PDB file of N, CA and C in Angstrom:
ATOM      1  N   MET A   1       0.848  -1.179   0.000  1.00  0.00           N
ATOM      2  CA  MET A   1       0.000   0.000   0.000  1.00  0.00           C
ATOM      3  C   MET A   1       0.892   1.239   0.000  1.00  0.00           C
ATOM      4  N   THR A   2       0.582   2.187  -0.844  1.00  0.00           N
ATOM      5  CA  THR A   2       1.357   3.418  -0.952  1.00  0.00           C
ATOM      6  C   THR A   2       1.021   4.360   0.198  1.00  0.00           C
ATOM      7  N   ALA A   3       2.041   4.932   0.810  1.00  0.00           N
ATOM      8  CA  ALA A   3       1.850   5.871   1.910  1.00  0.00           C
ATOM      9  C   ALA A   3       1.409   7.230   1.378  1.00  0.00           C
ATOM     10  N   PRO A   4       0.628   7.979   2.155  1.00  0.00           N
ATOM     11  CA  PRO A   4       0.222   9.309   1.721  1.00  0.00           C
ATOM     12  C   PRO A   4       1.414  10.262   1.709  1.00  0.00           C
ATOM     13  N   VAL A   5       1.399  11.203   0.783  1.00  0.00           N
ATOM     14  CA  VAL A   5       2.455  12.212   0.735  1.00  0.00           C
ATOM     15  C   VAL A   5       2.192  13.248   1.822  1.00  0.00           C
ATOM     16  N   PRO A   6       3.236  13.887   2.356  1.00  0.00           N
ATOM     17  CA  PRO A   6       3.012  14.961   3.314  1.00  0.00           C
ATOM     18  C   PRO A   6       2.182  16.069   2.671  1.00  0.00           C
ATOM     19  N   GLY A   7       1.264  16.618   3.441  1.00  0.00           N
ATOM     20  CA  GLY A   7       0.413  17.681   2.924  1.00  0.00           C
ATOM     21  C   GLY A   7      -0.815  17.875   3.786  1.00  0.00           C
ATOM     22  N   ILE A   8      -1.771  18.628   3.251  1.00  0.00           N
ATOM     23  CA  ILE A   8      -3.024  18.921   3.934  1.00  0.00           C
ATOM     24  C   ILE A   8      -4.095  17.982   3.388  1.00  0.00           C
ATOM     25  N   TYR A   9      -4.811  17.334   4.301  1.00  0.00           N
ATOM     26  CA  TYR A   9      -5.868  16.395   3.935  1.00  0.00           C
ATOM     27  C   TYR A   9      -7.175  16.812   4.593  1.00  0.00           C
ATOM     28  N   ARG A  10      -8.271  16.559   3.898  1.00  0.00           N
ATOM     29  CA  ARG A  10      -9.592  16.806   4.466  1.00  0.00           C
ATOM     30  C   ARG A  10     -10.209  15.464   4.853  1.00  0.00           C
ATOM     31  N   HIS A  11     -10.596  15.356   6.115  1.00  0.00           N
ATOM     32  CA  HIS A  11     -11.300  14.169   6.603  1.00  0.00           C
ATOM     33  C   HIS A  11     -12.709  14.181   6.017  1.00  0.00           C
ATOM     34  N   TYR A  12     -13.282  13.028   5.813  1.00  0.00           N
ATOM     35  CA  TYR A  12     -14.601  12.966   5.188  1.00  0.00           C
ATOM     36  C   TYR A  12     -15.678  13.698   5.990  1.00  0.00           C
ATOM     37  N   LYS A  13     -15.432  13.979   7.278  1.00  0.00           N
ATOM     38  CA  LYS A  13     -16.383  14.752   8.081  1.00  0.00           C
ATOM     39  C   LYS A  13     -16.133  16.252   7.970  1.00  0.00           C
ATOM     40  N   GLY A  14     -15.043  16.652   7.246  1.00  0.00           N
ATOM     41  CA  GLY A  14     -14.824  18.060   6.954  1.00  0.00           C
ATOM     42  C   GLY A  14     -13.599  18.724   7.551  1.00  0.00           C
ATOM     43  N   ALA A  15     -13.042  18.189   8.628  1.00  0.00           N
ATOM     44  CA  ALA A  15     -11.900  18.830   9.289  1.00  0.00           C
ATOM     45  C   ALA A  15     -10.620  18.646   8.471  1.00  0.00           C
ATOM     46  N   LEU A  16      -9.691  19.598   8.644  1.00  0.00           N
ATOM     47  CA  LEU A  16      -8.405  19.544   7.943  1.00  0.00           C
ATOM     48  C   LEU A  16      -7.304  19.024   8.864  1.00  0.00           C
ATOM     49  N   TYR A  17      -6.384  18.258   8.258  1.00  0.00           N
ATOM     50  CA  TYR A  17      -5.255  17.677   8.979  1.00  0.00           C
ATOM     51  C   TYR A  17      -4.003  17.804   8.134  1.00  0.00           C
ATOM     52  N   GLU A  18      -2.857  17.914   8.807  1.00  0.00           N
ATOM     53  CA  GLU A  18      -1.563  17.915   8.127  1.00  0.00           C
ATOM     54  C   GLU A  18      -0.906  16.556   8.337  1.00  0.00           C
ATOM     55  N   VAL A  19      -0.645  15.840   7.254  1.00  0.00           N
ATOM     56  CA  VAL A  19       0.089  14.580   7.365  1.00  0.00           C
ATOM     57  C   VAL A  19       1.564  14.921   7.513  1.00  0.00           C
ATOM     58  N   VAL A  20       2.147  14.482   8.625  1.00  0.00           N
ATOM     59  CA  VAL A  20       3.543  14.743   8.945  1.00  0.00           C
ATOM     60  C   VAL A  20       4.439  13.707   8.280  1.00  0.00           C
ATOM     61  N   GLY A  21       3.998  12.462   8.273  1.00  0.00           N
ATOM     62  CA  GLY A  21       4.781  11.389   7.672  1.00  0.00           C
ATOM     63  C   GLY A  21       4.267  10.039   8.111  1.00  0.00           C
ATOM     64  N   THR A  22       5.093   9.023   7.885  1.00  0.00           N
ATOM     65  CA  THR A  22       4.719   7.671   8.282  1.00  0.00           C
ATOM     66  C   THR A  22       5.721   7.146   9.300  1.00  0.00           C
ATOM     67  N   ALA A  23       5.289   6.149  10.044  1.00  0.00           N
ATOM     68  CA  ALA A  23       6.120   5.526  11.075  1.00  0.00           C
ATOM     69  C   ALA A  23       5.725   4.054  11.146  1.00  0.00           C
ATOM     70  N   HIS A  24       6.400   3.311  12.014  1.00  0.00           N
ATOM     71  CA  HIS A  24       6.062   1.906  12.222  1.00  0.00           C
ATOM     72  C   HIS A  24       5.890   1.655  13.715  1.00  0.00           C
ATOM     73  N   HIS A  25       4.909   0.849  14.059  1.00  0.00           N
ATOM     74  CA  HIS A  25       4.679   0.458  15.443  1.00  0.00           C
ATOM     75  C   HIS A  25       5.931  -0.266  15.943  1.00  0.00           C
ATOM     76  N   SER A  26       6.386   0.064  17.130  1.00  0.00           N
ATOM     77  CA  SER A  26       7.650  -0.482  17.642  1.00  0.00           C
ATOM     78  C   SER A  26       7.604  -1.988  17.908  1.00  0.00           C
ATOM     79  N   GLU A  27       6.447  -2.541  18.167  1.00  0.00           N
ATOM     80  CA  GLU A  27       6.339  -3.971  18.469  1.00  0.00           C
ATOM     81  C   GLU A  27       5.926  -4.796  17.255  1.00  0.00           C
ATOM     82  N   THR A  28       4.975  -4.286  16.482  1.00  0.00           N
ATOM     83  CA  THR A  28       4.408  -5.078  15.382  1.00  0.00           C
ATOM     84  C   THR A  28       4.919  -4.662  14.009  1.00  0.00           C
ATOM     85  N   GLU A  29       5.582  -3.520  13.943  1.00  0.00           N
ATOM     86  CA  GLU A  29       6.060  -2.923  12.688  1.00  0.00           C
ATOM     87  C   GLU A  29       4.922  -2.544  11.740  1.00  0.00           C
ATOM     88  N   GLU A  30       3.698  -2.479  12.262  1.00  0.00           N
ATOM     89  CA  GLU A  30       2.559  -2.040  11.453  1.00  0.00           C
ATOM     90  C   GLU A  30       2.812  -0.612  10.972  1.00  0.00           C
ATOM     91  N   PRO A  31       2.592  -0.319   9.683  1.00  0.00           N
ATOM     92  CA  PRO A  31       2.777   1.049   9.194  1.00  0.00           C
ATOM     93  C   PRO A  31       1.681   1.970   9.725  1.00  0.00           C
ATOM     94  N   LEU A  32       2.101   3.148  10.162  1.00  0.00           N
ATOM     95  CA  LEU A  32       1.198   4.145  10.738  1.00  0.00           C
ATOM     96  C   LEU A  32       1.372   5.471  10.016  1.00  0.00           C
ATOM     97  N   VAL A  33       0.334   6.280  10.014  1.00  0.00           N
ATOM     98  CA  VAL A  33       0.392   7.635   9.470  1.00  0.00           C
ATOM     99  C   VAL A  33       0.314   8.597  10.649  1.00  0.00           C
ATOM    100  N   ALA A  34       1.257   9.539  10.721  1.00  0.00           N
ATOM    101  CA  ALA A  34       1.255  10.570  11.758  1.00  0.00           C
ATOM    102  C   ALA A  34       0.667  11.837  11.156  1.00  0.00           C
ATOM    103  N   TYR A  35      -0.323  12.409  11.842  1.00  0.00           N
ATOM    104  CA  TYR A  35      -0.976  13.607  11.309  1.00  0.00           C
ATOM    105  C   TYR A  35      -1.418  14.523  12.443  1.00  0.00           C
ATOM    106  N   ARG A  36      -1.504  15.814  12.133  1.00  0.00           N
ATOM    107  CA  ARG A  36      -1.838  16.838  13.123  1.00  0.00           C
ATOM    108  C   ARG A  36      -3.139  17.525  12.731  1.00  0.00           C
ATOM    109  N   ALA A  37      -4.019  17.691  13.710  1.00  0.00           N
ATOM    110  CA  ALA A  37      -5.262  18.430  13.492  1.00  0.00           C
ATOM    111  C   ALA A  37      -4.933  19.897  13.236  1.00  0.00           C
ATOM    112  N   LEU A  38      -5.614  20.510  12.308  1.00  0.00           N
ATOM    113  CA  LEU A  38      -5.411  21.935  12.024  1.00  0.00           C
ATOM    114  C   LEU A  38      -6.550  22.755  12.622  1.00  0.00           C
ATOM    115  N   TYR A  39      -6.949  22.370  13.817  1.00  0.00           N
ATOM    116  CA  TYR A  39      -8.005  23.065  14.553  1.00  0.00           C
ATOM    117  C   TYR A  39      -7.820  22.747  16.038  1.00  0.00           C
ATOM    118  N   GLY A  40      -8.507  23.462  16.887  1.00  0.00           N
ATOM    119  CA  GLY A  40      -8.475  23.192  18.332  1.00  0.00           C
ATOM    120  C   GLY A  40      -7.078  23.267  18.900  1.00  0.00           C
ATOM    121  N   GLU A  41      -6.670  22.224  19.598  1.00  0.00           N
ATOM    122  CA  GLU A  41      -5.356  22.187  20.240  1.00  0.00           C
ATOM    123  C   GLU A  41      -4.275  21.610  19.333  1.00  0.00           C
ATOM    124  N   TYR A  42      -4.573  21.413  18.064  1.00  0.00           N
ATOM    125  CA  TYR A  42      -3.606  20.916  17.070  1.00  0.00           C
ATOM    126  C   TYR A  42      -2.971  19.600  17.514  1.00  0.00           C
ATOM    127  N   GLY A  43      -3.808  18.698  17.990  1.00  0.00           N
ATOM    128  CA  GLY A  43      -3.338  17.402  18.487  1.00  0.00           C
ATOM    129  C   GLY A  43      -2.624  16.587  17.419  1.00  0.00           C
ATOM    130  N   LEU A  44      -1.636  15.822  17.853  1.00  0.00           N
ATOM    131  CA  LEU A  44      -0.888  14.927  16.966  1.00  0.00           C
ATOM    132  C   LEU A  44      -1.456  13.524  17.139  1.00  0.00           C
ATOM    133  N   TRP A  45      -1.773  12.877  16.012  1.00  0.00           N
ATOM    134  CA  TRP A  45      -2.427  11.573  16.015  1.00  0.00           C
ATOM    135  C   TRP A  45      -1.666  10.596  15.132  1.00  0.00           C
ATOM    136  N   VAL A  46      -1.865   9.309  15.377  1.00  0.00           N
ATOM    137  CA  VAL A  46      -1.395   8.266  14.464  1.00  0.00           C
ATOM    138  C   VAL A  46      -2.570   7.338  14.184  1.00  0.00           C
ATOM    139  N   ARG A  47      -2.574   6.796  12.979  1.00  0.00           N
ATOM    140  CA  ARG A  47      -3.635   5.882  12.551  1.00  0.00           C
ATOM    141  C   ARG A  47      -2.978   4.836  11.661  1.00  0.00           C
ATOM    142  N   PRO A  48      -3.424   3.584  11.738  1.00  0.00           N
ATOM    143  CA  PRO A  48      -2.875   2.576  10.829  1.00  0.00           C
ATOM    144  C   PRO A  48      -3.020   3.023   9.373  1.00  0.00           C
ATOM    145  N   LEU A  49      -1.971   2.802   8.585  1.00  0.00           N
ATOM    146  CA  LEU A  49      -1.964   3.205   7.179  1.00  0.00           C
ATOM    147  C   LEU A  49      -3.181   2.667   6.440  1.00  0.00           C
ATOM    148  N   GLU A  50      -3.487   1.400   6.651  1.00  0.00           N
ATOM    149  CA  GLU A  50      -4.619   0.784   5.952  1.00  0.00           C
ATOM    150  C   GLU A  50      -5.922   1.529   6.247  1.00  0.00           C
ATOM    151  N   MET A  51      -6.128   1.929   7.500  1.00  0.00           N
ATOM    152  CA  MET A  51      -7.342   2.651   7.872  1.00  0.00           C
ATOM    153  C   MET A  51      -7.324   4.071   7.300  1.00  0.00           C
ATOM    154  N   PHE A  52      -6.156   4.720   7.317  1.00  0.00           N
ATOM    155  CA  PHE A  52      -6.043   6.080   6.789  1.00  0.00           C
ATOM    156  C   PHE A  52      -6.421   6.116   5.309  1.00  0.00           C
ATOM    157  N   MET A  53      -5.996   5.097   4.562  1.00  0.00           N
ATOM    158  CA  MET A  53      -6.189   5.078   3.113  1.00  0.00           C
ATOM    159  C   MET A  53      -7.527   4.484   2.672  1.00  0.00           C
ATOM    160  N   GLU A  54      -8.309   3.946   3.589  1.00  0.00           N
ATOM    161  CA  GLU A  54      -9.546   3.277   3.189  1.00  0.00           C
ATOM    162  C   GLU A  54     -10.626   4.260   2.763  1.00  0.00           C
ATOM    163  N   THR A  55     -11.642   3.714   2.127  1.00  0.00           N
ATOM    164  CA  THR A  55     -12.802   4.518   1.748  1.00  0.00           C
ATOM    165  C   THR A  55     -13.909   4.283   2.765  1.00  0.00           C
ATOM    166  N   VAL A  56     -14.807   5.252   2.853  1.00  0.00           N
ATOM    167  CA  VAL A  56     -15.953   5.175   3.756  1.00  0.00           C
ATOM    168  C   VAL A  56     -17.210   5.472   2.951  1.00  0.00           C
ATOM    169  N   ASN A  57     -18.339   5.069   3.489  1.00  0.00           N
ATOM    170  CA  ASN A  57     -19.613   5.337   2.845  1.00  0.00           C
ATOM    171  C   ASN A  57     -20.321   6.424   3.635  1.00  0.00           C
ATOM    172  N   LYS A  58     -20.555   7.565   2.999  1.00  0.00           N
ATOM    173  CA  LYS A  58     -21.251   8.680   3.640  1.00  0.00           C
ATOM    174  C   LYS A  58     -22.441   9.050   2.774  1.00  0.00           C
ATOM    175  N   GLU A  59     -23.622   8.913   3.344  1.00  0.00           N
ATOM    176  CA  GLU A  59     -24.862   9.248   2.639  1.00  0.00           C
ATOM    177  C   GLU A  59     -24.961   8.527   1.294  1.00  0.00           C
ATOM    178  N   GLY A  60     -24.571   7.246   1.289  1.00  0.00           N
ATOM    179  CA  GLY A  60     -24.679   6.436   0.082  1.00  0.00           C
ATOM    180  C   GLY A  60     -23.576   6.636  -0.935  1.00  0.00           C
ATOM    181  N   GLN A  61     -22.600   7.476  -0.627  1.00  0.00           N
ATOM    182  CA  GLN A  61     -21.494   7.741  -1.547  1.00  0.00           C
ATOM    183  C   GLN A  61     -20.189   7.220  -0.946  1.00  0.00           C
ATOM    184  N   THR A  62     -19.411   6.523  -1.763  1.00  0.00           N
ATOM    185  CA  THR A  62     -18.098   6.046  -1.333  1.00  0.00           C
ATOM    186  C   THR A  62     -17.077   7.144  -1.581  1.00  0.00           C
ATOM    187  N   GLN A  63     -16.288   7.427  -0.560  1.00  0.00           N
ATOM    188  CA  GLN A  63     -15.262   8.471  -0.665  1.00  0.00           C
ATOM    189  C   GLN A  63     -14.089   8.117   0.226  1.00  0.00           C
ATOM    190  N   PRO A  64     -12.930   8.738  -0.014  1.00  0.00           N
ATOM    191  CA  PRO A  64     -11.775   8.446   0.845  1.00  0.00           C
ATOM    192  C   PRO A  64     -11.995   8.982   2.259  1.00  0.00           C
ATOM    193  N   ARG A  65     -11.459   8.272   3.247  1.00  0.00           N
ATOM    194  CA  ARG A  65     -11.524   8.765   4.630  1.00  0.00           C
ATOM    195  C   ARG A  65     -10.785  10.105   4.724  1.00  0.00           C
ATOM    196  N   PHE A  66      -9.619  10.197   4.077  1.00  0.00           N
ATOM    197  CA  PHE A  66      -8.837  11.429   4.019  1.00  0.00           C
ATOM    198  C   PHE A  66      -8.529  11.724   2.558  1.00  0.00           C
ATOM    199  N   ALA A  67      -8.854  12.927   2.097  1.00  0.00           N
ATOM    200  CA  ALA A  67      -8.601  13.319   0.705  1.00  0.00           C
ATOM    201  C   ALA A  67      -7.542  14.414   0.680  1.00  0.00           C
ATOM    202  N   LEU A  68      -6.546  14.245  -0.178  1.00  0.00           N
ATOM    203  CA  LEU A  68      -5.470  15.228  -0.299  1.00  0.00           C
ATOM    204  C   LEU A  68      -6.016  16.543  -0.838  1.00  0.00           C
ATOM    205  N   GLU A  69      -5.736  17.630  -0.124  1.00  0.00           N
ATOM    206  CA  GLU A  69      -6.111  18.977  -0.553  1.00  0.00           C
ATOM    207  C   GLU A  69      -4.916  19.696  -1.177  1.00  0.00           C
ATOM    208  N   LYS A  70      -3.738  19.552  -0.519  1.00  0.00           N
ATOM    209  CA  LYS A  70      -2.529  20.239  -0.995  1.00  0.00           C
ATOM    210  C   LYS A  70      -1.298  19.457  -0.552  1.00  0.00           C
ATOM    211  N   ALA A  71      -0.495  19.032  -1.519  1.00  0.00           N
ATOM    212  CA  ALA A  71       0.754  18.332  -1.202  1.00  0.00           C
ATOM    213  C   ALA A  71       1.842  19.349  -0.883  1.00  0.00           C
ATOM    214  N   PHE A  72       2.778  18.956  -0.020  1.00  0.00           N
ATOM    215  CA  PHE A  72       3.922  19.824   0.300  1.00  0.00           C
ATOM    216  C   PHE A  72       5.082  19.481  -0.595  1.00  0.00           C
TER     217      PHE A  72
END
């Protein structure tokens, strides 16, 4: 699975996030995506790569969980 490029992404619920990069879980080596919220307290989050890249169904439409808005 291809990792997301660093940049600004829009979550399917509307919020914007900055993808910082990718990492691996220290025990399982599972690939993770590190990203920062661009609102509120600007929290730093990690999510499994597979989940970050998956599609979701919203109101009967399939769309990416995170869609690239602007690459760095």
